[in-house]
């Protein structure tokens, strides 16, 4: 299986830990995404997951977001908002679309 392009970076913005993903998140790279979320140290504070550069995510990515929902705030590409709403993620974690 050929891996789908995905770039993941972690940084600090105004004292908040931010994990930024760019590309597509699917079965070929879900372990990288899950590992990055798990290893993002936040000292108990909120982790911002910036998906504004993600054009596609599959159910595996949604499951990983659900598994970490209690510590996340998600910033999403507007194209992802329907699937994030339908999945119920917006009910368990703060999710906002980029403008």
C-alpha atoms as a PDB file:
ATOM      1  CA  UNK A   1       0.000   0.000   0.000  1.00  0.00           C
ATOM      2  CA  UNK A   2       1.317   3.413  -0.933  1.00  0.00           C
ATOM      3  CA  UNK A   3       1.217   5.952   1.858  1.00  0.00           C
ATOM      4  CA  UNK A   4      -0.965   8.992   1.323  1.00  0.00           C
ATOM      5  CA  UNK A   5       0.967  12.246   1.793  1.00  0.00           C
ATOM      6  CA  UNK A   6       0.632  13.554   5.355  1.00  0.00           C
ATOM      7  CA  UNK A   7       2.759  16.081   7.181  1.00  0.00           C
ATOM      8  CA  UNK A   8       2.514  16.472  10.966  1.00  0.00           C
ATOM      9  CA  UNK A   9       4.178  19.184  13.030  1.00  0.00           C
ATOM     10  CA  UNK A  10       3.869  20.215  16.656  1.00  0.00           C
ATOM     11  CA  UNK A  11       4.494  23.743  17.864  1.00  0.00           C
ATOM     12  CA  UNK A  12       3.553  26.285  20.518  1.00  0.00           C
ATOM     13  CA  UNK A  13       1.174  29.163  19.788  1.00  0.00           C
ATOM     14  CA  UNK A  14       0.562  31.649  22.578  1.00  0.00           C
ATOM     15  CA  UNK A  15       1.468  29.035  25.179  1.00  0.00           C
ATOM     16  CA  UNK A  16      -0.805  26.354  23.676  1.00  0.00           C
ATOM     17  CA  UNK A  17       0.478  23.133  22.153  1.00  0.00           C
ATOM     18  CA  UNK A  18      -0.624  22.793  18.503  1.00  0.00           C
ATOM     19  CA  UNK A  19      -0.474  19.703  16.321  1.00  0.00           C
ATOM     20  CA  UNK A  20      -0.799  20.674  12.653  1.00  0.00           C
ATOM     21  CA  UNK A  21      -1.616  18.065  10.023  1.00  0.00           C
ATOM     22  CA  UNK A  22      -1.475  18.720   6.286  1.00  0.00           C
ATOM     23  CA  UNK A  23      -2.562  16.377   3.488  1.00  0.00           C
ATOM     24  CA  UNK A  24      -4.859  13.383   3.876  1.00  0.00           C
ATOM     25  CA  UNK A  25      -5.373  11.100   6.875  1.00  0.00           C
ATOM     26  CA  UNK A  26      -6.323   7.520   6.015  1.00  0.00           C
ATOM     27  CA  UNK A  27      -5.465   3.876   6.697  1.00  0.00           C
ATOM     28  CA  UNK A  28      -1.988   4.266   5.181  1.00  0.00           C
ATOM     29  CA  UNK A  29      -0.869   6.875   7.731  1.00  0.00           C
ATOM     30  CA  UNK A  30      -3.316   6.668  10.644  1.00  0.00           C
ATOM     31  CA  UNK A  31      -0.657   5.201  12.950  1.00  0.00           C
ATOM     32  CA  UNK A  32       1.519   8.303  12.384  1.00  0.00           C
ATOM     33  CA  UNK A  33      -1.404  10.587  13.220  1.00  0.00           C
ATOM     34  CA  UNK A  34      -2.402   8.566  16.295  1.00  0.00           C
ATOM     35  CA  UNK A  35       1.190   8.450  17.511  1.00  0.00           C
ATOM     36  CA  UNK A  36       1.620  12.203  17.085  1.00  0.00           C
ATOM     37  CA  UNK A  37      -1.564  12.875  19.082  1.00  0.00           C
ATOM     38  CA  UNK A  38      -0.533  10.459  21.825  1.00  0.00           C
ATOM     39  CA  UNK A  39       2.942  11.896  22.168  1.00  0.00           C
ATOM     40  CA  UNK A  40       1.922  15.572  22.102  1.00  0.00           C
ATOM     41  CA  UNK A  41       2.679  16.700  25.649  1.00  0.00           C
ATOM     42  CA  UNK A  42       0.266  19.294  26.961  1.00  0.00           C
ATOM     43  CA  UNK A  43       0.854  19.184  30.739  1.00  0.00           C
ATOM     44  CA  UNK A  44      -2.864  18.604  31.212  1.00  0.00           C
ATOM     45  CA  UNK A  45      -3.929  21.559  29.099  1.00  0.00           C
ATOM     46  CA  UNK A  46      -5.827  21.547  25.832  1.00  0.00           C
ATOM     47  CA  UNK A  47      -4.169  20.386  22.621  1.00  0.00           C
ATOM     48  CA  UNK A  48      -5.180  22.240  19.475  1.00  0.00           C
ATOM     49  CA  UNK A  49      -5.367  19.965  16.437  1.00  0.00           C
ATOM     50  CA  UNK A  50      -5.128  22.099  13.318  1.00  0.00           C
ATOM     51  CA  UNK A  51      -6.691  20.236  10.388  1.00  0.00           C
ATOM     52  CA  UNK A  52      -7.077  23.338   8.224  1.00  0.00           C
ATOM     53  CA  UNK A  53      -4.620  21.824   5.715  1.00  0.00           C
ATOM     54  CA  UNK A  54      -6.329  18.402   5.608  1.00  0.00           C
ATOM     55  CA  UNK A  55      -8.461  17.710   2.544  1.00  0.00           C
ATOM     56  CA  UNK A  56      -9.636  14.208   3.529  1.00  0.00           C
ATOM     57  CA  UNK A  57      -9.875  12.048   6.625  1.00  0.00           C
ATOM     58  CA  UNK A  58     -11.373   8.604   6.982  1.00  0.00           C
ATOM     59  CA  UNK A  59     -13.191   6.872   9.833  1.00  0.00           C
ATOM     60  CA  UNK A  60      -9.878   5.819  11.396  1.00  0.00           C
ATOM     61  CA  UNK A  61      -8.906   9.465  11.811  1.00  0.00           C
ATOM     62  CA  UNK A  62     -12.295  10.264  13.311  1.00  0.00           C
ATOM     63  CA  UNK A  63     -11.873   7.367  15.763  1.00  0.00           C
ATOM     64  CA  UNK A  64      -8.474   8.729  16.835  1.00  0.00           C
ATOM     65  CA  UNK A  65      -9.989  12.175  17.368  1.00  0.00           C
ATOM     66  CA  UNK A  66     -12.815  10.641  19.438  1.00  0.00           C
ATOM     67  CA  UNK A  67     -10.301   8.698  21.550  1.00  0.00           C
ATOM     68  CA  UNK A  68      -8.575  11.978  22.442  1.00  0.00           C
ATOM     69  CA  UNK A  69     -11.642  14.266  22.445  1.00  0.00           C
ATOM     70  CA  UNK A  70     -11.411  15.091  26.146  1.00  0.00           C
ATOM     71  CA  UNK A  71      -8.175  17.026  25.600  1.00  0.00           C
ATOM     72  CA  UNK A  72      -8.616  18.452  22.085  1.00  0.00           C
ATOM     73  CA  UNK A  73      -9.817  21.558  20.345  1.00  0.00           C
ATOM     74  CA  UNK A  74     -10.046  21.008  16.581  1.00  0.00           C
ATOM     75  CA  UNK A  75      -9.623  23.617  13.871  1.00  0.00           C
ATOM     76  CA  UNK A  76     -10.856  22.089  10.622  1.00  0.00           C
ATOM     77  CA  UNK A  77     -10.872  22.738   6.931  1.00  0.00           C
ATOM     78  CA  UNK A  78     -14.487  23.730   6.094  1.00  0.00           C
ATOM     79  CA  UNK A  79     -14.700  20.774   3.693  1.00  0.00           C
ATOM     80  CA  UNK A  80     -14.384  18.433   6.721  1.00  0.00           C
ATOM     81  CA  UNK A  81     -17.141  20.015   8.798  1.00  0.00           C
ATOM     82  CA  UNK A  82     -20.059  17.917   7.484  1.00  0.00           C
ATOM     83  CA  UNK A  83     -18.346  14.625   8.352  1.00  0.00           C
ATOM     84  CA  UNK A  84     -17.207  15.946  11.751  1.00  0.00           C
ATOM     85  CA  UNK A  85     -20.787  17.006  12.528  1.00  0.00           C
ATOM     86  CA  UNK A  86     -22.377  13.766  11.285  1.00  0.00           C
ATOM     87  CA  UNK A  87     -19.857  11.660  13.222  1.00  0.00           C
ATOM     88  CA  UNK A  88     -20.798  13.472  16.434  1.00  0.00           C
ATOM     89  CA  UNK A  89     -17.288  14.783  17.115  1.00  0.00           C
ATOM     90  CA  UNK A  90     -18.667  18.313  17.396  1.00  0.00           C
ATOM     91  CA  UNK A  91     -20.758  17.096  20.353  1.00  0.00           C
ATOM     92  CA  UNK A  92     -17.768  15.842  22.375  1.00  0.00           C
ATOM     93  CA  UNK A  93     -14.988  18.282  21.457  1.00  0.00           C
ATOM     94  CA  UNK A  94     -14.815  21.944  20.416  1.00  0.00           C
ATOM     95  CA  UNK A  95     -14.568  22.031  16.600  1.00  0.00           C
ATOM     96  CA  UNK A  96     -14.390  25.181  14.522  1.00  0.00           C
ATOM     97  CA  UNK A  97     -13.969  25.730  10.797  1.00  0.00           C
ATOM     98  CA  UNK A  98     -11.245  27.933   9.425  1.00  0.00           C
ATOM     99  CA  UNK A  99     -12.467  30.935   7.513  1.00  0.00           C
END
